[in-house]
Amino acid sequence: MSGKNITLNIERLDPSADNYEQRVKRLKFYKKNGFYDTDYTITDRGETFLTLTTSPFFSVEVFKKVLRELTLGLDLLKIGKSES
């Protein structure tokens, strides 16, 4: 992919989730289309998501800064390392 970097969040791979197979297919689709797993998660209102990006170089500090700007400084989101 060229141009700007895209970062997105998808449901984490939870084997106990009803749509586990769909989650696996979704992750496979994004990886096939140039996304990288950042090894970071974001938790929003109790739901944890994987963070993917189109750049092989991911700065968690830049990501946190962008999220702070998007949420007007409210610290509602938790960012952490993936457990898997």
PDB file of N, CA and C in Angstrom:
ATOM      1  N   MET A   1       0.846  -1.170   0.000  1.00  0.00           N
ATOM      2  CA  MET A   1       0.000   0.000   0.000  1.00  0.00           C
ATOM      3  C   MET A   1       0.891   1.233   0.000  1.00  0.00           C
ATOM      4  N   SER A   2       0.477   2.229  -0.679  1.00  0.00           N
ATOM      5  CA  SER A   2       1.237   3.468  -0.686  1.00  0.00           C
ATOM      6  C   SER A   2       0.370   4.592  -0.136  1.00  0.00           C
ATOM      7  N   GLY A   3       0.994   5.734   0.070  1.00  0.00           N
ATOM      8  CA  GLY A   3       0.238   6.865   0.596  1.00  0.00           C
ATOM      9  C   GLY A   3       0.290   6.906   2.099  1.00  0.00           C
ATOM     10  N   LYS A   4      -0.776   7.394   2.678  1.00  0.00           N
ATOM     11  CA  LYS A   4      -0.822   7.566   4.130  1.00  0.00           C
ATOM     12  C   LYS A   4      -0.964   6.228   4.851  1.00  0.00           C
ATOM     13  N   ASN A   5      -0.455   6.222   6.055  1.00  0.00           N
ATOM     14  CA  ASN A   5      -0.575   5.053   6.909  1.00  0.00           C
ATOM     15  C   ASN A   5      -2.004   4.953   7.438  1.00  0.00           C
ATOM     16  N   ILE A   6      -2.539   3.758   7.444  1.00  0.00           N
ATOM     17  CA  ILE A   6      -3.874   3.504   7.985  1.00  0.00           C
ATOM     18  C   ILE A   6      -3.719   2.619   9.210  1.00  0.00           C
ATOM     19  N   THR A   7      -4.342   3.018  10.297  1.00  0.00           N
ATOM     20  CA  THR A   7      -4.362   2.212  11.510  1.00  0.00           C
ATOM     21  C   THR A   7      -5.822   1.949  11.853  1.00  0.00           C
ATOM     22  N   LEU A   8      -6.125   0.688  12.168  1.00  0.00           N
ATOM     23  CA  LEU A   8      -7.502   0.331  12.507  1.00  0.00           C
ATOM     24  C   LEU A   8      -7.506  -0.709  13.600  1.00  0.00           C
ATOM     25  N   ASN A   9      -8.662  -0.910  14.176  1.00  0.00           N
ATOM     26  CA  ASN A   9      -8.831  -1.880  15.258  1.00  0.00           C
ATOM     27  C   ASN A   9      -9.888  -2.887  14.872  1.00  0.00           C
ATOM     28  N   ILE A  10      -9.592  -4.163  15.157  1.00  0.00           N
ATOM     29  CA  ILE A  10     -10.551  -5.238  14.886  1.00  0.00           C
ATOM     30  C   ILE A  10     -10.723  -6.063  16.163  1.00  0.00           C
ATOM     31  N   GLU A  11     -11.815  -6.817  16.218  1.00  0.00           N
ATOM     32  CA  GLU A  11     -12.062  -7.666  17.374  1.00  0.00           C
ATOM     33  C   GLU A  11     -10.894  -8.635  17.564  1.00  0.00           C
ATOM     34  N   ARG A  12     -10.485  -8.809  18.807  1.00  0.00           N
ATOM     35  CA  ARG A  12      -9.369  -9.721  19.081  1.00  0.00           C
ATOM     36  C   ARG A  12      -9.810 -11.169  18.872  1.00  0.00           C
ATOM     37  N   LEU A  13      -8.828 -12.038  18.711  1.00  0.00           N
ATOM     38  CA  LEU A  13      -9.114 -13.452  18.486  1.00  0.00           C
ATOM     39  C   LEU A  13      -9.401 -14.135  19.819  1.00  0.00           C
ATOM     40  N   ASP A  14     -10.666 -14.234  20.142  1.00  0.00           N
ATOM     41  CA  ASP A  14     -11.117 -14.849  21.385  1.00  0.00           C
ATOM     42  C   ASP A  14     -11.810 -16.163  21.027  1.00  0.00           C
ATOM     43  N   PRO A  15     -11.146 -17.299  21.300  1.00  0.00           N
ATOM     44  CA  PRO A  15     -11.739 -18.592  20.923  1.00  0.00           C
ATOM     45  C   PRO A  15     -13.124 -18.841  21.509  1.00  0.00           C
ATOM     46  N   SER A  16     -13.480 -18.154  22.587  1.00  0.00           N
ATOM     47  CA  SER A  16     -14.803 -18.362  23.178  1.00  0.00           C
ATOM     48  C   SER A  16     -15.879 -17.475  22.545  1.00  0.00           C
ATOM     49  N   ALA A  17     -15.493 -16.581  21.643  1.00  0.00           N
ATOM     50  CA  ALA A  17     -16.470 -15.697  20.983  1.00  0.00           C
ATOM     51  C   ALA A  17     -17.316 -16.483  19.989  1.00  0.00           C
ATOM     52  N   ASP A  18     -18.594 -16.116  19.896  1.00  0.00           N
ATOM     53  CA  ASP A  18     -19.501 -16.783  18.962  1.00  0.00           C
ATOM     54  C   ASP A  18     -19.022 -16.667  17.516  1.00  0.00           C
ATOM     55  N   ASN A  19     -18.360 -15.558  17.189  1.00  0.00           N
ATOM     56  CA  ASN A  19     -17.924 -15.333  15.808  1.00  0.00           C
ATOM     57  C   ASN A  19     -16.404 -15.497  15.655  1.00  0.00           C
ATOM     58  N   TYR A  20     -15.825 -16.428  16.414  1.00  0.00           N
ATOM     59  CA  TYR A  20     -14.374 -16.617  16.388  1.00  0.00           C
ATOM     60  C   TYR A  20     -13.846 -16.863  14.968  1.00  0.00           C
ATOM     61  N   GLU A  21     -14.487 -17.738  14.221  1.00  0.00           N
ATOM     62  CA  GLU A  21     -14.035 -18.040  12.857  1.00  0.00           C
ATOM     63  C   GLU A  21     -14.056 -16.788  11.984  1.00  0.00           C
ATOM     64  N   GLN A  22     -15.072 -15.959  12.139  1.00  0.00           N
ATOM     65  CA  GLN A  22     -15.154 -14.705  11.386  1.00  0.00           C
ATOM     66  C   GLN A  22     -14.006 -13.778  11.769  1.00  0.00           C
ATOM     67  N   ARG A  23     -13.659 -13.725  13.029  1.00  0.00           N
ATOM     68  CA  ARG A  23     -12.549 -12.888  13.489  1.00  0.00           C
ATOM     69  C   ARG A  23     -11.225 -13.343  12.883  1.00  0.00           C
ATOM     70  N   VAL A  24     -11.025 -14.663  12.843  1.00  0.00           N
ATOM     71  CA  VAL A  24      -9.803 -15.211  12.240  1.00  0.00           C
ATOM     72  C   VAL A  24      -9.748 -14.849  10.756  1.00  0.00           C
ATOM     73  N   LYS A  25     -10.859 -15.000  10.052  1.00  0.00           N
ATOM     74  CA  LYS A  25     -10.911 -14.658   8.618  1.00  0.00           C
ATOM     75  C   LYS A  25     -10.657 -13.168   8.401  1.00  0.00           C
ATOM     76  N   ARG A  26     -11.195 -12.337   9.274  1.00  0.00           N
ATOM     77  CA  ARG A  26     -11.010 -10.886   9.158  1.00  0.00           C
ATOM     78  C   ARG A  26      -9.533 -10.522   9.307  1.00  0.00           C
ATOM     79  N   LEU A  27      -8.872 -11.086  10.314  1.00  0.00           N
ATOM     80  CA  LEU A  27      -7.447 -10.810  10.517  1.00  0.00           C
ATOM     81  C   LEU A  27      -6.638 -11.293   9.314  1.00  0.00           C
ATOM     82  N   LYS A  28      -6.954 -12.472   8.821  1.00  0.00           N
ATOM     83  CA  LYS A  28      -6.259 -13.022   7.648  1.00  0.00           C
ATOM     84  C   LYS A  28      -6.456 -12.105   6.439  1.00  0.00           C
ATOM     85  N   PHE A  29      -7.668 -11.590   6.238  1.00  0.00           N
ATOM     86  CA  PHE A  29      -7.965 -10.677   5.131  1.00  0.00           C
ATOM     87  C   PHE A  29      -7.100  -9.421   5.216  1.00  0.00           C
ATOM     88  N   TYR A  30      -7.062  -8.802   6.397  1.00  0.00           N
ATOM     89  CA  TYR A  30      -6.277  -7.571   6.539  1.00  0.00           C
ATOM     90  C   TYR A  30      -4.788  -7.825   6.322  1.00  0.00           C
ATOM     91  N   LYS A  31      -4.269  -8.921   6.870  1.00  0.00           N
ATOM     92  CA  LYS A  31      -2.850  -9.233   6.665  1.00  0.00           C
ATOM     93  C   LYS A  31      -2.547  -9.484   5.190  1.00  0.00           C
ATOM     94  N   LYS A  32      -3.454 -10.167   4.504  1.00  0.00           N
ATOM     95  CA  LYS A  32      -3.289 -10.431   3.064  1.00  0.00           C
ATOM     96  C   LYS A  32      -3.272  -9.129   2.267  1.00  0.00           C
ATOM     97  N   ASN A  33      -3.949  -8.094   2.787  1.00  0.00           N
ATOM     98  CA  ASN A  33      -4.065  -6.826   2.082  1.00  0.00           C
ATOM     99  C   ASN A  33      -3.138  -5.741   2.636  1.00  0.00           C
ATOM    100  N   GLY A  34      -2.024  -6.171   3.218  1.00  0.00           N
ATOM    101  CA  GLY A  34      -0.969  -5.235   3.565  1.00  0.00           C
ATOM    102  C   GLY A  34      -0.968  -4.666   4.963  1.00  0.00           C
ATOM    103  N   PHE A  35      -1.802  -5.175   5.847  1.00  0.00           N
ATOM    104  CA  PHE A  35      -1.808  -4.688   7.224  1.00  0.00           C
ATOM    105  C   PHE A  35      -0.888  -5.540   8.087  1.00  0.00           C
ATOM    106  N   TYR A  36      -0.300  -4.902   9.093  1.00  0.00           N
ATOM    107  CA  TYR A  36       0.570  -5.564  10.054  1.00  0.00           C
ATOM    108  C   TYR A  36      -0.087  -5.539  11.419  1.00  0.00           C
ATOM    109  N   ASP A  37       0.105  -6.617  12.179  1.00  0.00           N
ATOM    110  CA  ASP A  37      -0.339  -6.644  13.569  1.00  0.00           C
ATOM    111  C   ASP A  37       0.700  -5.887  14.383  1.00  0.00           C
ATOM    112  N   THR A  38       0.286  -4.873  15.123  1.00  0.00           N
ATOM    113  CA  THR A  38       1.215  -4.028  15.875  1.00  0.00           C
ATOM    114  C   THR A  38       1.639  -4.652  17.200  1.00  0.00           C
ATOM    115  N   ASP A  39       0.991  -5.733  17.596  1.00  0.00           N
ATOM    116  CA  ASP A  39       1.193  -6.347  18.914  1.00  0.00           C
ATOM    117  C   ASP A  39       0.662  -5.459  20.036  1.00  0.00           C
ATOM    118  N   TYR A  40      -0.223  -4.525  19.685  1.00  0.00           N
ATOM    119  CA  TYR A  40      -0.888  -3.692  20.689  1.00  0.00           C
ATOM    120  C   TYR A  40      -2.391  -3.895  20.592  1.00  0.00           C
ATOM    121  N   THR A  41      -3.045  -3.690  21.719  1.00  0.00           N
ATOM    122  CA  THR A  41      -4.502  -3.737  21.755  1.00  0.00           C
ATOM    123  C   THR A  41      -5.009  -2.401  22.275  1.00  0.00           C
ATOM    124  N   ILE A  42      -6.273  -2.174  22.025  1.00  0.00           N
ATOM    125  CA  ILE A  42      -6.941  -1.000  22.574  1.00  0.00           C
ATOM    126  C   ILE A  42      -8.237  -1.495  23.218  1.00  0.00           C
ATOM    127  N   THR A  43      -8.493  -1.033  24.422  1.00  0.00           N
ATOM    128  CA  THR A  43      -9.705  -1.435  25.132  1.00  0.00           C
ATOM    129  C   THR A  43     -10.597  -0.209  25.268  1.00  0.00           C
ATOM    130  N   ASP A  44     -11.822  -0.373  24.797  1.00  0.00           N
ATOM    131  CA  ASP A  44     -12.808   0.702  24.814  1.00  0.00           C
ATOM    132  C   ASP A  44     -14.089   0.157  25.412  1.00  0.00           C
ATOM    133  N   ARG A  45     -14.488   0.708  26.537  1.00  0.00           N
ATOM    134  CA  ARG A  45     -15.730   0.310  27.228  1.00  0.00           C
ATOM    135  C   ARG A  45     -15.821  -1.201  27.449  1.00  0.00           C
ATOM    136  N   GLY A  46     -14.697  -1.798  27.863  1.00  0.00           N
ATOM    137  CA  GLY A  46     -14.687  -3.217  28.199  1.00  0.00           C
ATOM    138  C   GLY A  46     -14.410  -4.158  27.044  1.00  0.00           C
ATOM    139  N   GLU A  47     -14.394  -3.671  25.822  1.00  0.00           N
ATOM    140  CA  GLU A  47     -14.096  -4.499  24.651  1.00  0.00           C
ATOM    141  C   GLU A  47     -12.654  -4.271  24.221  1.00  0.00           C
ATOM    142  N   THR A  48     -11.930  -5.352  23.959  1.00  0.00           N
ATOM    143  CA  THR A  48     -10.533  -5.250  23.554  1.00  0.00           C
ATOM    144  C   THR A  48     -10.398  -5.585  22.078  1.00  0.00           C
ATOM    145  N   PHE A  49      -9.648  -4.743  21.377  1.00  0.00           N
ATOM    146  CA  PHE A  49      -9.454  -4.870  19.934  1.00  0.00           C
ATOM    147  C   PHE A  49      -7.971  -4.942  19.595  1.00  0.00           C
ATOM    148  N   LEU A  50      -7.641  -5.668  18.528  1.00  0.00           N
ATOM    149  CA  LEU A  50      -6.280  -5.683  17.994  1.00  0.00           C
ATOM    150  C   LEU A  50      -6.067  -4.419  17.177  1.00  0.00           C
ATOM    151  N   THR A  51      -4.868  -3.884  17.218  1.00  0.00           N
ATOM    152  CA  THR A  51      -4.538  -2.703  16.427  1.00  0.00           C
ATOM    153  C   THR A  51      -3.668  -3.126  15.248  1.00  0.00           C
ATOM    154  N   LEU A  52      -4.131  -2.824  14.045  1.00  0.00           N
ATOM    155  CA  LEU A  52      -3.419  -3.148  12.808  1.00  0.00           C
ATOM    156  C   LEU A  52      -3.029  -1.860  12.109  1.00  0.00           C
ATOM    157  N   THR A  53      -1.978  -1.929  11.286  1.00  0.00           N
ATOM    158  CA  THR A  53      -1.531  -0.747  10.556  1.00  0.00           C
ATOM    159  C   THR A  53      -0.932  -1.146   9.215  1.00  0.00           C
ATOM    160  N   THR A  54      -0.913  -0.216   8.286  1.00  0.00           N
ATOM    161  CA  THR A  54      -0.331  -0.488   6.968  1.00  0.00           C
ATOM    162  C   THR A  54       1.167  -0.228   6.936  1.00  0.00           C
ATOM    163  N   SER A  55       1.717   0.290   8.009  1.00  0.00           N
ATOM    164  CA  SER A  55       3.155   0.564   8.073  1.00  0.00           C
ATOM    165  C   SER A  55       3.857  -0.509   8.905  1.00  0.00           C
ATOM    166  N   PRO A  56       5.007  -1.001   8.442  1.00  0.00           N
ATOM    167  CA  PRO A  56       5.731  -1.977   9.259  1.00  0.00           C
ATOM    168  C   PRO A  56       6.346  -1.336  10.501  1.00  0.00           C
ATOM    169  N   PHE A  57       6.328  -0.013  10.569  1.00  0.00           N
ATOM    170  CA  PHE A  57       6.882   0.731  11.697  1.00  0.00           C
ATOM    171  C   PHE A  57       5.740   1.403  12.447  1.00  0.00           C
ATOM    172  N   PHE A  58       5.504   0.969  13.663  1.00  0.00           N
ATOM    173  CA  PHE A  58       4.387   1.481  14.462  1.00  0.00           C
ATOM    174  C   PHE A  58       4.932   2.154  15.717  1.00  0.00           C
ATOM    175  N   SER A  59       4.525   3.384  15.941  1.00  0.00           N
ATOM    176  CA  SER A  59       4.911   4.106  17.146  1.00  0.00           C
ATOM    177  C   SER A  59       3.702   4.187  18.067  1.00  0.00           C
ATOM    178  N   VAL A  60       3.774   3.488  19.185  1.00  0.00           N
ATOM    179  CA  VAL A  60       2.661   3.522  20.122  1.00  0.00           C
ATOM    180  C   VAL A  60       2.504   4.922  20.706  1.00  0.00           C
ATOM    181  N   GLU A  61       3.598   5.662  20.827  1.00  0.00           N
ATOM    182  CA  GLU A  61       3.511   7.027  21.358  1.00  0.00           C
ATOM    183  C   GLU A  61       2.746   7.940  20.399  1.00  0.00           C
ATOM    184  N   VAL A  62       3.008   7.825  19.106  1.00  0.00           N
ATOM    185  CA  VAL A  62       2.263   8.619  18.115  1.00  0.00           C
ATOM    186  C   VAL A  62       0.797   8.200  18.127  1.00  0.00           C
ATOM    187  N   PHE A  63       0.543   6.904  18.220  1.00  0.00           N
ATOM    188  CA  PHE A  63      -0.824   6.391  18.265  1.00  0.00           C
ATOM    189  C   PHE A  63      -1.577   6.966  19.464  1.00  0.00           C
ATOM    190  N   LYS A  64      -0.931   6.962  20.632  1.00  0.00           N
ATOM    191  CA  LYS A  64      -1.555   7.522  21.834  1.00  0.00           C
ATOM    192  C   LYS A  64      -1.852   9.007  21.660  1.00  0.00           C
ATOM    193  N   LYS A  65      -0.919   9.725  21.034  1.00  0.00           N
ATOM    194  CA  LYS A  65      -1.109  11.163  20.812  1.00  0.00           C
ATOM    195  C   LYS A  65      -2.321  11.414  19.911  1.00  0.00           C
ATOM    196  N   VAL A  66      -2.429  10.651  18.835  1.00  0.00           N
ATOM    197  CA  VAL A  66      -3.566  10.809  17.916  1.00  0.00           C
ATOM    198  C   VAL A  66      -4.874  10.491  18.634  1.00  0.00           C
ATOM    199  N   LEU A  67      -4.884   9.428  19.417  1.00  0.00           N
ATOM    200  CA  LEU A  67      -6.099   9.074  20.151  1.00  0.00           C
ATOM    201  C   LEU A  67      -6.486  10.155  21.158  1.00  0.00           C
ATOM    202  N   ARG A  68      -5.490  10.743  21.839  1.00  0.00           N
ATOM    203  CA  ARG A  68      -5.791  11.837  22.772  1.00  0.00           C
ATOM    204  C   ARG A  68      -6.445  13.007  22.029  1.00  0.00           C
ATOM    205  N   GLU A  69      -5.924  13.311  20.832  1.00  0.00           N
ATOM    206  CA  GLU A  69      -6.502  14.407  20.032  1.00  0.00           C
ATOM    207  C   GLU A  69      -7.922  14.068  19.588  1.00  0.00           C
ATOM    208  N   LEU A  70      -8.135  12.822  19.168  1.00  0.00           N
ATOM    209  CA  LEU A  70      -9.462  12.415  18.706  1.00  0.00           C
ATOM    210  C   LEU A  70     -10.498  12.395  19.824  1.00  0.00           C
ATOM    211  N   THR A  71     -10.043  12.115  21.038  1.00  0.00           N
ATOM    212  CA  THR A  71     -10.971  12.036  22.168  1.00  0.00           C
ATOM    213  C   THR A  71     -10.955  13.306  23.015  1.00  0.00           C
ATOM    214  N   LEU A  72     -10.352  14.360  22.478  1.00  0.00           N
ATOM    215  CA  LEU A  72     -10.285  15.654  23.151  1.00  0.00           C
ATOM    216  C   LEU A  72      -9.647  15.553  24.536  1.00  0.00           C
ATOM    217  N   GLY A  73      -8.668  14.666  24.647  1.00  0.00           N
ATOM    218  CA  GLY A  73      -7.931  14.546  25.897  1.00  0.00           C
ATOM    219  C   GLY A  73      -8.558  13.636  26.934  1.00  0.00           C
ATOM    220  N   LEU A  74      -9.733  13.103  26.660  1.00  0.00           N
ATOM    221  CA  LEU A  74     -10.367  12.190  27.609  1.00  0.00           C
ATOM    222  C   LEU A  74      -9.628  10.861  27.578  1.00  0.00           C
ATOM    223  N   ASP A  75      -9.305  10.316  28.719  1.00  0.00           N
ATOM    224  CA  ASP A  75      -8.553   9.077  28.789  1.00  0.00           C
ATOM    225  C   ASP A  75      -9.525   7.902  28.933  1.00  0.00           C
ATOM    226  N   LEU A  76     -10.282   7.651  27.889  1.00  0.00           N
ATOM    227  CA  LEU A  76     -11.281   6.584  27.934  1.00  0.00           C
ATOM    228  C   LEU A  76     -10.772   5.276  27.366  1.00  0.00           C
ATOM    229  N   LEU A  77      -9.681   5.330  26.612  1.00  0.00           N
ATOM    230  CA  LEU A  77      -9.165   4.158  25.925  1.00  0.00           C
ATOM    231  C   LEU A  77      -7.899   3.672  26.601  1.00  0.00           C
ATOM    232  N   LYS A  78      -7.756   2.383  26.713  1.00  0.00           N
ATOM    233  CA  LYS A  78      -6.555   1.779  27.301  1.00  0.00           C
ATOM    234  C   LYS A  78      -5.787   1.060  26.200  1.00  0.00           C
ATOM    235  N   ILE A  79      -4.491   1.352  26.111  1.00  0.00           N
ATOM    236  CA  ILE A  79      -3.634   0.741  25.107  1.00  0.00           C
ATOM    237  C   ILE A  79      -2.630  -0.141  25.822  1.00  0.00           C
ATOM    238  N   GLY A  80      -2.448  -1.367  25.327  1.00  0.00           N
ATOM    239  CA  GLY A  80      -1.508  -2.293  25.950  1.00  0.00           C
ATOM    240  C   GLY A  80      -0.937  -3.261  24.945  1.00  0.00           C
ATOM    241  N   LYS A  81       0.032  -4.039  25.370  1.00  0.00           N
ATOM    242  CA  LYS A  81       0.630  -5.065  24.528  1.00  0.00           C
ATOM    243  C   LYS A  81      -0.333  -6.223  24.396  1.00  0.00           C
ATOM    244  N   SER A  82      -0.353  -6.851  23.219  1.00  0.00           N
ATOM    245  CA  SER A  82      -1.175  -8.034  23.009  1.00  0.00           C
ATOM    246  C   SER A  82      -0.687  -9.173  23.882  1.00  0.00           C
ATOM    247  N   GLU A  83      -1.611  -9.988  24.307  1.00  0.00           N
ATOM    248  CA  GLU A  83      -1.253 -11.152  25.123  1.00  0.00           C
ATOM    249  C   GLU A  83      -0.889 -12.344  24.265  1.00  0.00           C
ATOM    250  N   SER A  84      -1.308 -12.320  23.001  1.00  0.00           N
ATOM    251  CA  SER A  84      -1.064 -13.481  22.141  1.00  0.00           C
ATOM    252  C   SER A  84       0.218 -13.356  21.373  1.00  0.00           C
TER     253      SER A  84
END
